[in-house]
Amino acid sequence: MLPEEIGFTVDEFVQVVEYAPQTRPGRYTILEHLNLNTDQIKDAYADYAKAIGS
């Protein structure tokens, strides 16, 4: 499933992924582990979208 399929733009999705670690203070998640910047999130999303679209 892609963000666009549930009404989000790619930019909104990227903002959500950037903000997500702040919603769980004191918890260490994969997002903190990866520590992706905006461009890296966009690249990871593009790779995912391409992979599931194949």
PDB file of N, CA and C in Angstrom:
ATOM      1  N   MET A   1       0.841  -1.162   0.000  1.00  0.00           N
ATOM      2  CA  MET A   1       0.000   0.000   0.000  1.00  0.00           C
ATOM      3  C   MET A   1       0.897   1.239   0.000  1.00  0.00           C
ATOM      4  N   LEU A   2       0.498   2.216  -0.769  1.00  0.00           N
ATOM      5  CA  LEU A   2       1.234   3.474  -0.860  1.00  0.00           C
ATOM      6  C   LEU A   2       0.456   4.583  -0.166  1.00  0.00           C
ATOM      7  N   PRO A   3       1.149   5.604   0.338  1.00  0.00           N
ATOM      8  CA  PRO A   3       0.459   6.704   1.012  1.00  0.00           C
ATOM      9  C   PRO A   3      -0.646   7.326   0.155  1.00  0.00           C
ATOM     10  N   GLU A   4      -0.406   7.420  -1.139  1.00  0.00           N
ATOM     11  CA  GLU A   4      -1.388   8.031  -2.030  1.00  0.00           C
ATOM     12  C   GLU A   4      -2.702   7.256  -2.038  1.00  0.00           C
ATOM     13  N   GLU A   5      -2.631   5.963  -1.777  1.00  0.00           N
ATOM     14  CA  GLU A   5      -3.825   5.119  -1.775  1.00  0.00           C
ATOM     15  C   GLU A   5      -4.720   5.373  -0.570  1.00  0.00           C
ATOM     16  N   ILE A   6      -4.182   6.029   0.446  1.00  0.00           N
ATOM     17  CA  ILE A   6      -4.996   6.349   1.624  1.00  0.00           C
ATOM     18  C   ILE A   6      -5.094   7.855   1.860  1.00  0.00           C
ATOM     19  N   GLY A   7      -4.796   8.629   0.815  1.00  0.00           N
ATOM     20  CA  GLY A   7      -5.044  10.062   0.870  1.00  0.00           C
ATOM     21  C   GLY A   7      -3.900  10.949   1.307  1.00  0.00           C
ATOM     22  N   PHE A   8      -2.700  10.415   1.413  1.00  0.00           N
ATOM     23  CA  PHE A   8      -1.546  11.225   1.781  1.00  0.00           C
ATOM     24  C   PHE A   8      -0.692  11.514   0.555  1.00  0.00           C
ATOM     25  N   THR A   9      -0.061  12.671   0.545  1.00  0.00           N
ATOM     26  CA  THR A   9       0.935  12.944  -0.487  1.00  0.00           C
ATOM     27  C   THR A   9       2.265  12.343  -0.025  1.00  0.00           C
ATOM     28  N   VAL A  10       3.185  12.237  -0.940  1.00  0.00           N
ATOM     29  CA  VAL A  10       4.519  11.739  -0.579  1.00  0.00           C
ATOM     30  C   VAL A  10       5.159  12.673   0.441  1.00  0.00           C
ATOM     31  N   ASP A  11       5.020  13.983   0.249  1.00  0.00           N
ATOM     32  CA  ASP A  11       5.611  14.937   1.196  1.00  0.00           C
ATOM     33  C   ASP A  11       5.007  14.792   2.585  1.00  0.00           C
ATOM     34  N   GLU A  12       3.693  14.572   2.668  1.00  0.00           N
ATOM     35  CA  GLU A  12       3.067  14.362   3.977  1.00  0.00           C
ATOM     36  C   GLU A  12       3.611  13.093   4.629  1.00  0.00           C
ATOM     37  N   PHE A  13       3.773  12.047   3.854  1.00  0.00           N
ATOM     38  CA  PHE A  13       4.311  10.796   4.376  1.00  0.00           C
ATOM     39  C   PHE A  13       5.724  10.994   4.915  1.00  0.00           C
ATOM     40  N   VAL A  14       6.541  11.702   4.161  1.00  0.00           N
ATOM     41  CA  VAL A  14       7.916  11.974   4.591  1.00  0.00           C
ATOM     42  C   VAL A  14       7.908  12.754   5.903  1.00  0.00           C
ATOM     43  N   GLN A  15       7.038  13.748   6.027  1.00  0.00           N
ATOM     44  CA  GLN A  15       6.948  14.528   7.263  1.00  0.00           C
ATOM     45  C   GLN A  15       6.547  13.647   8.437  1.00  0.00           C
ATOM     46  N   VAL A  16       5.623  12.726   8.211  1.00  0.00           N
ATOM     47  CA  VAL A  16       5.186  11.811   9.270  1.00  0.00           C
ATOM     48  C   VAL A  16       6.342  10.926   9.724  1.00  0.00           C
ATOM     49  N   VAL A  17       7.091  10.392   8.773  1.00  0.00           N
ATOM     50  CA  VAL A  17       8.229   9.526   9.122  1.00  0.00           C
ATOM     51  C   VAL A  17       9.282  10.319   9.889  1.00  0.00           C
ATOM     52  N   GLU A  18       9.510  11.563   9.492  1.00  0.00           N
ATOM     53  CA  GLU A  18      10.477  12.408  10.214  1.00  0.00           C
ATOM     54  C   GLU A  18      10.016  12.677  11.645  1.00  0.00           C
ATOM     55  N   TYR A  19       8.722  12.895  11.825  1.00  0.00           N
ATOM     56  CA  TYR A  19       8.177  13.258  13.135  1.00  0.00           C
ATOM     57  C   TYR A  19       7.986  12.044  14.055  1.00  0.00           C
ATOM     58  N   ALA A  20       7.787  10.887  13.485  1.00  0.00           N
ATOM     59  CA  ALA A  20       7.418   9.693  14.249  1.00  0.00           C
ATOM     60  C   ALA A  20       8.284   9.415  15.480  1.00  0.00           C
ATOM     61  N   PRO A  21       9.608   9.517  15.410  1.00  0.00           N
ATOM     62  CA  PRO A  21      10.400   9.204  16.610  1.00  0.00           C
ATOM     63  C   PRO A  21      10.061  10.082  17.821  1.00  0.00           C
ATOM     64  N   GLN A  22       9.562  11.274  17.584  1.00  0.00           N
ATOM     65  CA  GLN A  22       9.220  12.178  18.684  1.00  0.00           C
ATOM     66  C   GLN A  22       7.960  11.738  19.422  1.00  0.00           C
ATOM     67  N   THR A  23       7.180  10.849  18.819  1.00  0.00           N
ATOM     68  CA  THR A  23       5.926  10.430  19.439  1.00  0.00           C
ATOM     69  C   THR A  23       6.117   9.362  20.503  1.00  0.00           C
ATOM     70  N   ARG A  24       7.300   8.782  20.578  1.00  0.00           N
ATOM     71  CA  ARG A  24       7.575   7.720  21.546  1.00  0.00           C
ATOM     72  C   ARG A  24       8.829   8.031  22.357  1.00  0.00           C
ATOM     73  N   PRO A  25       8.801   9.098  23.155  1.00  0.00           N
ATOM     74  CA  PRO A  25      10.001   9.417  23.935  1.00  0.00           C
ATOM     75  C   PRO A  25      10.382   8.250  24.858  1.00  0.00           C
ATOM     76  N   GLY A  26      11.661   8.015  24.916  1.00  0.00           N
ATOM     77  CA  GLY A  26      12.141   6.937  25.768  1.00  0.00           C
ATOM     78  C   GLY A  26      12.127   5.571  25.109  1.00  0.00           C
ATOM     79  N   ARG A  27      11.593   5.497  23.908  1.00  0.00           N
ATOM     80  CA  ARG A  27      11.573   4.229  23.176  1.00  0.00           C
ATOM     81  C   ARG A  27      12.532   4.333  22.000  1.00  0.00           C
ATOM     82  N   TYR A  28      13.288   3.314  21.772  1.00  0.00           N
ATOM     83  CA  TYR A  28      14.234   3.286  20.658  1.00  0.00           C
ATOM     84  C   TYR A  28      13.614   2.450  19.545  1.00  0.00           C
ATOM     85  N   THR A  29      13.418   3.055  18.383  1.00  0.00           N
ATOM     86  CA  THR A  29      12.772   2.363  17.272  1.00  0.00           C
ATOM     87  C   THR A  29      13.715   2.267  16.081  1.00  0.00           C
ATOM     88  N   ILE A  30      13.272   1.559  15.077  1.00  0.00           N
ATOM     89  CA  ILE A  30      14.058   1.415  13.848  1.00  0.00           C
ATOM     90  C   ILE A  30      14.297   2.775  13.199  1.00  0.00           C
ATOM     91  N   LEU A  31      13.367   3.703  13.357  1.00  0.00           N
ATOM     92  CA  LEU A  31      13.554   5.025  12.755  1.00  0.00           C
ATOM     93  C   LEU A  31      14.714   5.769  13.400  1.00  0.00           C
ATOM     94  N   GLU A  32      14.839   5.655  14.710  1.00  0.00           N
ATOM     95  CA  GLU A  32      16.001   6.266  15.360  1.00  0.00           C
ATOM     96  C   GLU A  32      17.282   5.554  14.952  1.00  0.00           C
ATOM     97  N   HIS A  33      17.206   4.249  14.859  1.00  0.00           N
ATOM     98  CA  HIS A  33      18.385   3.467  14.465  1.00  0.00           C
ATOM     99  C   HIS A  33      18.868   3.874  13.075  1.00  0.00           C
ATOM    100  N   LEU A  34      17.936   4.026  12.134  1.00  0.00           N
ATOM    101  CA  LEU A  34      18.312   4.396  10.768  1.00  0.00           C
ATOM    102  C   LEU A  34      18.736   5.852  10.662  1.00  0.00           C
ATOM    103  N   ASN A  35      18.131   6.720  11.485  1.00  0.00           N
ATOM    104  CA  ASN A  35      18.486   8.141  11.535  1.00  0.00           C
ATOM    105  C   ASN A  35      18.525   8.775  10.136  1.00  0.00           C
ATOM    106  N   LEU A  36      17.430   8.612   9.396  1.00  0.00           N
ATOM    107  CA  LEU A  36      17.365   9.101   8.020  1.00  0.00           C
ATOM    108  C   LEU A  36      17.045  10.588   7.962  1.00  0.00           C
ATOM    109  N   ASN A  37      17.699  11.290   7.039  1.00  0.00           N
ATOM    110  CA  ASN A  37      17.331  12.682   6.799  1.00  0.00           C
ATOM    111  C   ASN A  37      16.222  12.705   5.743  1.00  0.00           C
ATOM    112  N   THR A  38      15.713  13.884   5.427  1.00  0.00           N
ATOM    113  CA  THR A  38      14.589  14.017   4.503  1.00  0.00           C
ATOM    114  C   THR A  38      14.866  13.354   3.160  1.00  0.00           C
ATOM    115  N   ASP A  39      16.013  13.612   2.589  1.00  0.00           N
ATOM    116  CA  ASP A  39      16.336  13.029   1.286  1.00  0.00           C
ATOM    117  C   ASP A  39      16.437  11.506   1.354  1.00  0.00           C
ATOM    118  N   GLN A  40      16.969  10.997   2.441  1.00  0.00           N
ATOM    119  CA  GLN A  40      17.089   9.546   2.591  1.00  0.00           C
ATOM    120  C   GLN A  40      15.710   8.892   2.737  1.00  0.00           C
ATOM    121  N   ILE A  41      14.801   9.568   3.435  1.00  0.00           N
ATOM    122  CA  ILE A  41      13.433   9.052   3.560  1.00  0.00           C
ATOM    123  C   ILE A  41      12.770   9.025   2.185  1.00  0.00           C
ATOM    124  N   LYS A  42      12.926  10.109   1.428  1.00  0.00           N
ATOM    125  CA  LYS A  42      12.347  10.160   0.080  1.00  0.00           C
ATOM    126  C   LYS A  42      12.927   9.063  -0.806  1.00  0.00           C
ATOM    127  N   ASP A  43      14.226   8.847  -0.719  1.00  0.00           N
ATOM    128  CA  ASP A  43      14.868   7.794  -1.512  1.00  0.00           C
ATOM    129  C   ASP A  43      14.366   6.409  -1.104  1.00  0.00           C
ATOM    130  N   ALA A  44      14.255   6.176   0.198  1.00  0.00           N
ATOM    131  CA  ALA A  44      13.772   4.880   0.679  1.00  0.00           C
ATOM    132  C   ALA A  44      12.334   4.649   0.229  1.00  0.00           C
ATOM    133  N   TYR A  45      11.527   5.695   0.293  1.00  0.00           N
ATOM    134  CA  TYR A  45      10.143   5.577  -0.171  1.00  0.00           C
ATOM    135  C   TYR A  45      10.095   5.287  -1.670  1.00  0.00           C
ATOM    136  N   ALA A  46      10.890   5.987  -2.450  1.00  0.00           N
ATOM    137  CA  ALA A  46      10.919   5.767  -3.902  1.00  0.00           C
ATOM    138  C   ALA A  46      11.330   4.329  -4.219  1.00  0.00           C
ATOM    139  N   ASP A  47      12.321   3.814  -3.500  1.00  0.00           N
ATOM    140  CA  ASP A  47      12.748   2.424  -3.692  1.00  0.00           C
ATOM    141  C   ASP A  47      11.608   1.456  -3.362  1.00  0.00           C
ATOM    142  N   TYR A  48      10.906   1.725  -2.267  1.00  0.00           N
ATOM    143  CA  TYR A  48       9.777   0.883  -1.863  1.00  0.00           C
ATOM    144  C   TYR A  48       8.669   0.930  -2.910  1.00  0.00           C
ATOM    145  N   ALA A  49       8.301   2.129  -3.339  1.00  0.00           N
ATOM    146  CA  ALA A  49       7.229   2.281  -4.323  1.00  0.00           C
ATOM    147  C   ALA A  49       7.581   1.560  -5.619  1.00  0.00           C
ATOM    148  N   LYS A  50       8.829   1.657  -6.016  1.00  0.00           N
ATOM    149  CA  LYS A  50       9.280   0.980  -7.238  1.00  0.00           C
ATOM    150  C   LYS A  50       9.213  -0.538  -7.060  1.00  0.00           C
ATOM    151  N   ALA A  51       9.637  -1.019  -5.896  1.00  0.00           N
ATOM    152  CA  ALA A  51       9.661  -2.461  -5.641  1.00  0.00           C
ATOM    153  C   ALA A  51       8.258  -3.061  -5.642  1.00  0.00           C
ATOM    154  N   ILE A  52       7.307  -2.394  -5.032  1.00  0.00           N
ATOM    155  CA  ILE A  52       5.968  -2.981  -4.989  1.00  0.00           C
ATOM    156  C   ILE A  52       5.202  -2.746  -6.282  1.00  0.00           C
ATOM    157  N   GLY A  53       5.681  -1.809  -7.095  1.00  0.00           N
ATOM    158  CA  GLY A  53       5.041  -1.553  -8.373  1.00  0.00           C
ATOM    159  C   GLY A  53       5.500  -2.486  -9.469  1.00  0.00           C
ATOM    160  N   SER A  54       6.534  -3.259  -9.184  1.00  0.00           N
ATOM    161  CA  SER A  54       7.103  -4.160 -10.204  1.00  0.00           C
ATOM    162  C   SER A  54       6.271  -5.408 -10.374  1.00  0.00           C
TER     163      SER A  54
END
